Structure formats: structure tokens, C-alpha cells
Amino acid sequence: MQTTSSEAELIMNDSPEFVNLALDCCDKQNSKIVKTQACKLLEHMCDNVDGAATCVTTFCCNALNAALQTAAGQ
């Protein structure tokens, strides 16, 4: 999950609120925002679908590798 510019501002201006948002995404998942619901979906998929965690991890590593190779080529 990517940190948005508004969340980056929270880090500097209202650290406790940023911590609350991070805890909500990673633990409670009570907010009805897209990021929190995406975390909830991902957690449920990894808990209930065999191989989901491996698939997600592989995808993320491949995406990171592609981004680094593109950046290195510039």
C-alpha cells in the first residue's frame, strides 16, 4: 500500500493521526476508506485462499524488480 501525499503531510503535521491510520489499515480495519478495505481484502484472501500469500509476494517482488530495472536504465 502506497503512502499518499495527504498521509505524508499527516506524518509531519499530525503524527498520532497517521499512527491511527496505520493501525487501522494493519489491524482494526474499521474505516470505510479504499486503503483499509484493500488491506482487509488482502488479509482475508491470504487467510482463506491457499497460495494467495505466495502469489501476492511474487507479484510485489516482480513489480519492484521491474521498477528498479526501469530506474536503473534511465
N, C-alpha and C. Protein backbone atom coordinates (compact mmCIF):
# COMPACT_ATOMS: atom_id res chain seq x y z
N MET A 1 0.85 -1.17 0.00
CA MET A 1 0.00 0.00 0.00
C MET A 1 0.90 1.24 0.00
N GLN A 2 0.59 2.15 -0.85
CA GLN A 2 1.41 3.34 -1.02
C GLN A 2 0.93 4.47 -0.13
N THR A 3 1.86 5.21 0.42
CA THR A 3 1.53 6.39 1.23
C THR A 3 1.19 7.55 0.30
N THR A 4 0.02 8.13 0.49
CA THR A 4 -0.40 9.25 -0.36
C THR A 4 0.22 10.55 0.14
N SER A 5 0.11 11.61 -0.66
CA SER A 5 0.67 12.90 -0.25
C SER A 5 -0.03 13.44 0.99
N SER A 6 -1.34 13.19 1.11
CA SER A 6 -2.04 13.67 2.31
C SER A 6 -1.58 12.90 3.55
N GLU A 7 -1.25 11.62 3.38
CA GLU A 7 -0.73 10.85 4.51
C GLU A 7 0.69 11.30 4.86
N ALA A 8 1.46 11.68 3.87
CA ALA A 8 2.81 12.20 4.13
C ALA A 8 2.73 13.49 4.93
N GLU A 9 1.72 14.32 4.64
CA GLU A 9 1.52 15.53 5.43
C GLU A 9 1.15 15.20 6.87
N LEU A 10 0.35 14.14 7.05
CA LEU A 10 -0.02 13.72 8.41
C LEU A 10 1.21 13.33 9.22
N ILE A 11 2.18 12.70 8.57
CA ILE A 11 3.41 12.30 9.28
C ILE A 11 4.07 13.53 9.90
N MET A 12 4.11 14.61 9.12
CA MET A 12 4.78 15.81 9.59
C MET A 12 3.92 16.65 10.54
N ASN A 13 2.61 16.72 10.26
CA ASN A 13 1.77 17.66 11.00
C ASN A 13 0.95 17.04 12.12
N ASP A 14 0.59 15.77 11.99
CA ASP A 14 -0.26 15.13 12.99
C ASP A 14 0.12 13.66 13.11
N SER A 15 1.27 13.41 13.71
CA SER A 15 1.81 12.05 13.81
C SER A 15 0.85 11.06 14.44
N PRO A 16 0.17 11.42 15.55
CA PRO A 16 -0.76 10.45 16.15
C PRO A 16 -1.87 10.01 15.19
N GLU A 17 -2.37 10.92 14.37
CA GLU A 17 -3.41 10.57 13.41
C GLU A 17 -2.88 9.62 12.34
N PHE A 18 -1.62 9.82 11.92
CA PHE A 18 -1.01 8.91 10.95
C PHE A 18 -0.86 7.52 11.56
N VAL A 19 -0.46 7.46 12.82
CA VAL A 19 -0.32 6.17 13.51
C VAL A 19 -1.68 5.48 13.60
N ASN A 20 -2.73 6.26 13.89
CA ASN A 20 -4.08 5.68 13.94
C ASN A 20 -4.48 5.11 12.59
N LEU A 21 -4.17 5.81 11.51
CA LEU A 21 -4.48 5.32 10.17
C LEU A 21 -3.72 4.04 9.88
N ALA A 22 -2.43 4.01 10.23
CA ALA A 22 -1.62 2.82 10.00
C ALA A 22 -2.15 1.63 10.80
N LEU A 23 -2.53 1.87 12.06
CA LEU A 23 -3.10 0.79 12.87
C LEU A 23 -4.42 0.30 12.30
N ASP A 24 -5.21 1.22 11.77
CA ASP A 24 -6.49 0.83 11.19
C ASP A 24 -6.27 -0.04 9.95
N CYS A 25 -5.30 0.32 9.13
CA CYS A 25 -5.02 -0.48 7.94
C CYS A 25 -4.48 -1.87 8.30
N CYS A 26 -3.58 -1.92 9.26
CA CYS A 26 -2.88 -3.16 9.57
C CYS A 26 -3.58 -4.04 10.60
N ASP A 27 -4.47 -3.47 11.40
CA ASP A 27 -5.02 -4.26 12.49
C ASP A 27 -6.55 -4.22 12.54
N LYS A 28 -7.11 -3.06 12.84
CA LYS A 28 -8.55 -2.95 13.10
C LYS A 28 -9.41 -3.03 11.84
N GLN A 29 -9.03 -2.30 10.82
CA GLN A 29 -9.73 -2.24 9.54
C GLN A 29 -11.20 -1.85 9.70
N ASN A 30 -11.44 -0.80 10.49
CA ASN A 30 -12.79 -0.31 10.73
C ASN A 30 -13.21 0.79 9.77
N SER A 31 -12.27 1.57 9.27
CA SER A 31 -12.59 2.68 8.38
C SER A 31 -13.14 2.16 7.07
N LYS A 32 -13.97 2.95 6.44
CA LYS A 32 -14.55 2.56 5.16
C LYS A 32 -13.85 3.25 3.99
N ILE A 33 -12.54 3.45 4.11
CA ILE A 33 -11.77 4.04 3.02
C ILE A 33 -11.18 2.92 2.16
N VAL A 34 -10.82 3.25 0.94
CA VAL A 34 -10.37 2.24 -0.01
C VAL A 34 -9.13 1.50 0.50
N LYS A 35 -8.19 2.23 1.06
CA LYS A 35 -6.94 1.61 1.52
C LYS A 35 -7.21 0.57 2.61
N THR A 36 -8.06 0.92 3.57
CA THR A 36 -8.36 0.00 4.66
C THR A 36 -9.10 -1.24 4.15
N GLN A 37 -10.05 -1.03 3.24
CA GLN A 37 -10.80 -2.15 2.69
C GLN A 37 -9.92 -3.04 1.82
N ALA A 38 -8.94 -2.45 1.12
CA ALA A 38 -8.00 -3.24 0.33
C ALA A 38 -7.13 -4.11 1.25
N CYS A 39 -6.71 -3.56 2.36
CA CYS A 39 -5.93 -4.33 3.34
C CYS A 39 -6.77 -5.48 3.89
N LYS A 40 -8.03 -5.21 4.16
CA LYS A 40 -8.94 -6.22 4.69
C LYS A 40 -9.13 -7.35 3.67
N LEU A 41 -9.34 -6.99 2.40
CA LEU A 41 -9.49 -7.99 1.34
C LEU A 41 -8.23 -8.84 1.20
N LEU A 42 -7.08 -8.19 1.19
CA LEU A 42 -5.82 -8.91 1.06
C LEU A 42 -5.61 -9.87 2.23
N GLU A 43 -5.92 -9.42 3.44
CA GLU A 43 -5.77 -10.28 4.61
C GLU A 43 -6.70 -11.49 4.53
N HIS A 44 -7.95 -11.26 4.13
CA HIS A 44 -8.90 -12.37 4.01
C HIS A 44 -8.49 -13.35 2.91
N MET A 45 -7.98 -12.82 1.81
CA MET A 45 -7.51 -13.70 0.74
C MET A 45 -6.36 -14.58 1.22
N CYS A 46 -5.41 -13.97 1.91
CA CYS A 46 -4.24 -14.73 2.38
C CYS A 46 -4.63 -15.75 3.45
N ASP A 47 -5.65 -15.43 4.23
CA ASP A 47 -6.11 -16.36 5.27
C ASP A 47 -6.90 -17.53 4.69
N ASN A 48 -7.61 -17.31 3.58
CA ASN A 48 -8.57 -18.31 3.12
C ASN A 48 -8.27 -18.96 1.77
N VAL A 49 -7.33 -18.43 1.02
CA VAL A 49 -7.00 -18.99 -0.30
C VAL A 49 -5.58 -19.53 -0.26
N ASP A 50 -5.46 -20.83 -0.48
CA ASP A 50 -4.13 -21.45 -0.48
C ASP A 50 -3.27 -20.85 -1.58
N GLY A 51 -2.08 -20.42 -1.23
CA GLY A 51 -1.13 -19.87 -2.19
C GLY A 51 -1.29 -18.39 -2.45
N ALA A 52 -2.29 -17.75 -1.84
CA ALA A 52 -2.50 -16.31 -2.11
C ALA A 52 -1.33 -15.48 -1.62
N ALA A 53 -0.81 -15.79 -0.45
CA ALA A 53 0.31 -15.00 0.09
C ALA A 53 1.53 -15.14 -0.82
N THR A 54 1.78 -16.34 -1.31
CA THR A 54 2.91 -16.56 -2.22
C THR A 54 2.71 -15.80 -3.52
N CYS A 55 1.50 -15.85 -4.05
CA CYS A 55 1.19 -15.15 -5.30
C CYS A 55 1.36 -13.65 -5.15
N VAL A 56 0.84 -13.09 -4.06
CA VAL A 56 0.95 -11.65 -3.83
C VAL A 56 2.41 -11.24 -3.63
N THR A 57 3.15 -12.03 -2.87
CA THR A 57 4.56 -11.73 -2.63
C THR A 57 5.36 -11.79 -3.93
N THR A 58 5.11 -12.80 -4.75
CA THR A 58 5.80 -12.92 -6.03
C THR A 58 5.49 -11.74 -6.93
N PHE A 59 4.20 -11.36 -6.99
CA PHE A 59 3.81 -10.22 -7.80
C PHE A 59 4.51 -8.95 -7.34
N CYS A 60 4.53 -8.71 -6.03
CA CYS A 60 5.17 -7.50 -5.49
C CYS A 60 6.66 -7.48 -5.78
N CYS A 61 7.32 -8.61 -5.62
CA CYS A 61 8.76 -8.67 -5.91
C CYS A 61 9.03 -8.43 -7.38
N ASN A 62 8.21 -9.00 -8.26
CA ASN A 62 8.39 -8.78 -9.69
C ASN A 62 8.14 -7.32 -10.07
N ALA A 63 7.12 -6.71 -9.48
CA ALA A 63 6.83 -5.30 -9.75
C ALA A 63 7.97 -4.41 -9.27
N LEU A 64 8.50 -4.70 -8.09
CA LEU A 64 9.63 -3.94 -7.56
C LEU A 64 10.86 -4.12 -8.44
N ASN A 65 11.11 -5.34 -8.87
CA ASN A 65 12.25 -5.61 -9.75
C ASN A 65 12.12 -4.84 -11.06
N ALA A 66 10.92 -4.84 -11.65
CA ALA A 66 10.70 -4.11 -12.90
C ALA A 66 10.91 -2.61 -12.70
N ALA A 67 10.41 -2.07 -11.59
CA ALA A 67 10.57 -0.65 -11.32
C ALA A 67 12.05 -0.28 -11.12
N LEU A 68 12.79 -1.13 -10.43
CA LEU A 68 14.21 -0.86 -10.20
C LEU A 68 15.01 -0.97 -11.50
N GLN A 69 14.67 -1.94 -12.34
CA GLN A 69 15.37 -2.06 -13.61
C GLN A 69 15.09 -0.87 -14.51
N THR A 70 13.84 -0.40 -14.49
CA THR A 70 13.50 0.77 -15.30
C THR A 70 14.24 2.00 -14.80
N ALA A 71 14.30 2.17 -13.47
CA ALA A 71 15.00 3.30 -12.90
C ALA A 71 16.50 3.23 -13.17
N ALA A 72 17.06 2.04 -13.13
CA ALA A 72 18.49 1.88 -13.38
C ALA A 72 18.85 2.16 -14.83
N GLY A 73 17.91 1.90 -15.75
CA GLY A 73 18.16 2.12 -17.16
C GLY A 73 18.06 3.57 -17.58
N GLN A 74 17.58 4.44 -16.71
CA GLN A 74 17.42 5.85 -17.07
C GLN A 74 18.65 6.64 -16.81
